[in-house]
Amino acid sequence: MTPVVKMEEAYALASWQSGGVLVATALGLVRTHPTMKSMILPWPQPMALDNHWSLISEA
């Protein structure tokens, strides 16, 4: 396995766009993909999330 993100308090993980990964953390949503720059969408405040995710749509 190849590390894609190193963050404390990672809660949920979902596959995204053929090889990408979405990771919910206490600080925000991390998006990473081998062909794109990794990004984080911060939450307004740190939070604890459920550890089960399912991507419904890739619109």
N, C-alpha and C. Protein backbone atom coordinates (compact mmCIF):
# COMPACT_ATOMS: atom_id res chain seq x y z
N MET A 1 0.83 -1.18 0.00
CA MET A 1 0.00 0.00 0.00
C MET A 1 0.88 1.24 0.00
N THR A 2 0.39 2.27 -0.66
CA THR A 2 1.09 3.54 -0.72
C THR A 2 0.38 4.56 0.14
N PRO A 3 1.07 5.19 1.09
CA PRO A 3 0.41 6.23 1.88
C PRO A 3 -0.04 7.38 0.98
N VAL A 4 -1.28 7.84 1.16
CA VAL A 4 -1.78 8.96 0.35
C VAL A 4 -2.03 10.20 1.20
N VAL A 5 -2.26 10.02 2.49
CA VAL A 5 -2.47 11.15 3.38
C VAL A 5 -2.08 10.72 4.79
N LYS A 6 -1.44 11.63 5.52
CA LYS A 6 -1.08 11.33 6.90
C LYS A 6 -1.68 12.43 7.77
N MET A 7 -2.78 12.09 8.42
CA MET A 7 -3.47 13.04 9.28
C MET A 7 -3.95 12.31 10.52
N GLU A 8 -3.91 12.98 11.64
CA GLU A 8 -4.48 12.40 12.84
C GLU A 8 -6.00 12.54 12.77
N GLU A 9 -6.69 11.68 13.45
CA GLU A 9 -8.14 11.70 13.53
C GLU A 9 -8.81 11.55 12.17
N ALA A 10 -8.37 10.57 11.38
CA ALA A 10 -9.07 10.23 10.14
C ALA A 10 -10.21 9.28 10.49
N TYR A 11 -11.40 9.58 10.02
CA TYR A 11 -12.59 8.82 10.42
C TYR A 11 -13.16 7.94 9.32
N ALA A 12 -13.30 8.46 8.13
CA ALA A 12 -13.97 7.71 7.07
C ALA A 12 -13.15 7.77 5.79
N LEU A 13 -13.28 6.72 5.00
CA LEU A 13 -12.52 6.60 3.76
C LEU A 13 -13.47 6.10 2.68
N ALA A 14 -13.41 6.71 1.49
CA ALA A 14 -14.23 6.26 0.36
C ALA A 14 -13.41 6.36 -0.91
N SER A 15 -13.57 5.39 -1.80
CA SER A 15 -12.88 5.47 -3.09
C SER A 15 -13.55 6.56 -3.92
N TRP A 16 -12.78 7.15 -4.85
CA TRP A 16 -13.27 8.28 -5.63
C TRP A 16 -12.57 8.32 -6.98
N GLN A 17 -13.30 8.42 -8.04
CA GLN A 17 -12.82 8.59 -9.42
C GLN A 17 -11.66 7.68 -9.80
N SER A 18 -11.88 6.41 -9.85
CA SER A 18 -10.91 5.44 -10.36
C SER A 18 -9.49 5.65 -9.85
N GLY A 19 -9.27 5.44 -8.59
CA GLY A 19 -7.93 5.54 -8.04
C GLY A 19 -7.76 6.63 -7.02
N GLY A 20 -8.76 7.48 -6.87
CA GLY A 20 -8.70 8.55 -5.89
C GLY A 20 -9.32 8.11 -4.57
N VAL A 21 -9.10 8.93 -3.56
CA VAL A 21 -9.59 8.62 -2.22
C VAL A 21 -10.12 9.89 -1.58
N LEU A 22 -11.25 9.75 -0.86
CA LEU A 22 -11.78 10.81 -0.01
C LEU A 22 -11.59 10.36 1.44
N VAL A 23 -11.03 11.24 2.26
CA VAL A 23 -10.78 10.91 3.67
C VAL A 23 -11.42 12.01 4.52
N ALA A 24 -12.33 11.62 5.40
CA ALA A 24 -12.91 12.57 6.35
C ALA A 24 -12.04 12.58 7.58
N THR A 25 -11.61 13.75 7.98
CA THR A 25 -10.77 13.91 9.16
C THR A 25 -11.43 14.90 10.11
N ALA A 26 -10.89 15.05 11.29
CA ALA A 26 -11.44 16.00 12.26
C ALA A 26 -11.35 17.43 11.72
N LEU A 27 -10.38 17.71 10.86
CA LEU A 27 -10.18 19.08 10.37
C LEU A 27 -10.88 19.37 9.05
N GLY A 28 -11.25 18.33 8.30
CA GLY A 28 -11.92 18.57 7.02
C GLY A 28 -11.88 17.36 6.12
N LEU A 29 -12.36 17.53 4.89
CA LEU A 29 -12.40 16.48 3.90
C LEU A 29 -11.15 16.56 3.03
N VAL A 30 -10.41 15.47 2.94
CA VAL A 30 -9.20 15.41 2.12
C VAL A 30 -9.52 14.65 0.85
N ARG A 31 -9.14 15.22 -0.29
CA ARG A 31 -9.31 14.56 -1.59
C ARG A 31 -7.92 14.34 -2.18
N THR A 32 -7.65 13.11 -2.58
CA THR A 32 -6.37 12.82 -3.20
C THR A 32 -6.58 11.88 -4.38
N HIS A 33 -5.78 12.07 -5.42
CA HIS A 33 -5.86 11.25 -6.64
C HIS A 33 -4.47 11.27 -7.28
N PRO A 34 -4.06 10.15 -7.87
CA PRO A 34 -2.72 10.10 -8.45
C PRO A 34 -2.47 11.13 -9.55
N THR A 35 -3.52 11.61 -10.23
CA THR A 35 -3.33 12.55 -11.34
C THR A 35 -3.71 13.99 -10.99
N MET A 36 -4.05 14.25 -9.72
CA MET A 36 -4.48 15.59 -9.31
C MET A 36 -3.74 16.03 -8.04
N LYS A 37 -3.73 17.32 -7.83
CA LYS A 37 -3.16 17.86 -6.60
C LYS A 37 -4.10 17.53 -5.44
N SER A 38 -3.57 17.07 -4.33
CA SER A 38 -4.38 16.79 -3.15
C SER A 38 -4.94 18.09 -2.59
N MET A 39 -6.15 18.01 -2.05
CA MET A 39 -6.81 19.20 -1.50
C MET A 39 -7.51 18.85 -0.20
N ILE A 40 -7.71 19.86 0.64
CA ILE A 40 -8.51 19.70 1.85
C ILE A 40 -9.58 20.78 1.87
N LEU A 41 -10.79 20.37 2.18
CA LEU A 41 -11.91 21.28 2.39
C LEU A 41 -12.14 21.32 3.89
N PRO A 42 -11.73 22.40 4.56
CA PRO A 42 -11.81 22.43 6.02
C PRO A 42 -13.26 22.59 6.51
N TRP A 43 -13.55 21.96 7.64
CA TRP A 43 -14.84 22.17 8.30
C TRP A 43 -14.76 23.52 9.04
N PRO A 44 -15.91 24.13 9.33
CA PRO A 44 -15.89 25.38 10.11
C PRO A 44 -15.27 25.19 11.49
N GLN A 45 -15.47 24.00 12.09
CA GLN A 45 -14.89 23.65 13.38
C GLN A 45 -14.51 22.19 13.33
N PRO A 46 -13.47 21.77 14.07
CA PRO A 46 -13.13 20.35 14.11
C PRO A 46 -14.33 19.53 14.57
N MET A 47 -14.50 18.35 13.98
CA MET A 47 -15.62 17.48 14.36
C MET A 47 -15.24 16.02 14.23
N ALA A 48 -15.96 15.18 14.92
CA ALA A 48 -15.79 13.73 14.82
C ALA A 48 -16.90 13.19 13.93
N LEU A 49 -16.54 12.40 12.94
CA LEU A 49 -17.50 11.86 11.98
C LEU A 49 -17.62 10.36 12.11
N ASP A 50 -18.67 9.83 11.55
CA ASP A 50 -18.86 8.39 11.49
C ASP A 50 -17.76 7.79 10.62
N ASN A 51 -17.43 6.53 10.85
CA ASN A 51 -16.36 5.89 10.09
C ASN A 51 -16.88 5.07 8.91
N HIS A 52 -18.16 5.23 8.54
CA HIS A 52 -18.71 4.53 7.39
C HIS A 52 -19.18 5.54 6.36
N TRP A 53 -18.65 5.45 5.15
CA TRP A 53 -19.04 6.35 4.07
C TRP A 53 -19.36 5.55 2.85
N SER A 54 -20.22 6.11 2.03
CA SER A 54 -20.50 5.55 0.71
C SER A 54 -20.71 6.72 -0.24
N LEU A 55 -19.97 6.75 -1.32
CA LEU A 55 -20.11 7.82 -2.31
C LEU A 55 -21.37 7.54 -3.13
N ILE A 56 -22.32 8.46 -3.12
CA ILE A 56 -23.60 8.26 -3.79
C ILE A 56 -23.53 8.69 -5.25
N SER A 57 -22.90 9.82 -5.54
CA SER A 57 -22.86 10.34 -6.90
C SER A 57 -21.55 11.05 -7.14
N GLU A 58 -21.05 10.93 -8.36
CA GLU A 58 -19.84 11.66 -8.76
C GLU A 58 -20.22 12.71 -9.78
N ALA A 59 -21.26 13.47 -9.55
CA ALA A 59 -21.76 14.48 -10.49
C ALA A 59 -20.79 15.59 -10.72
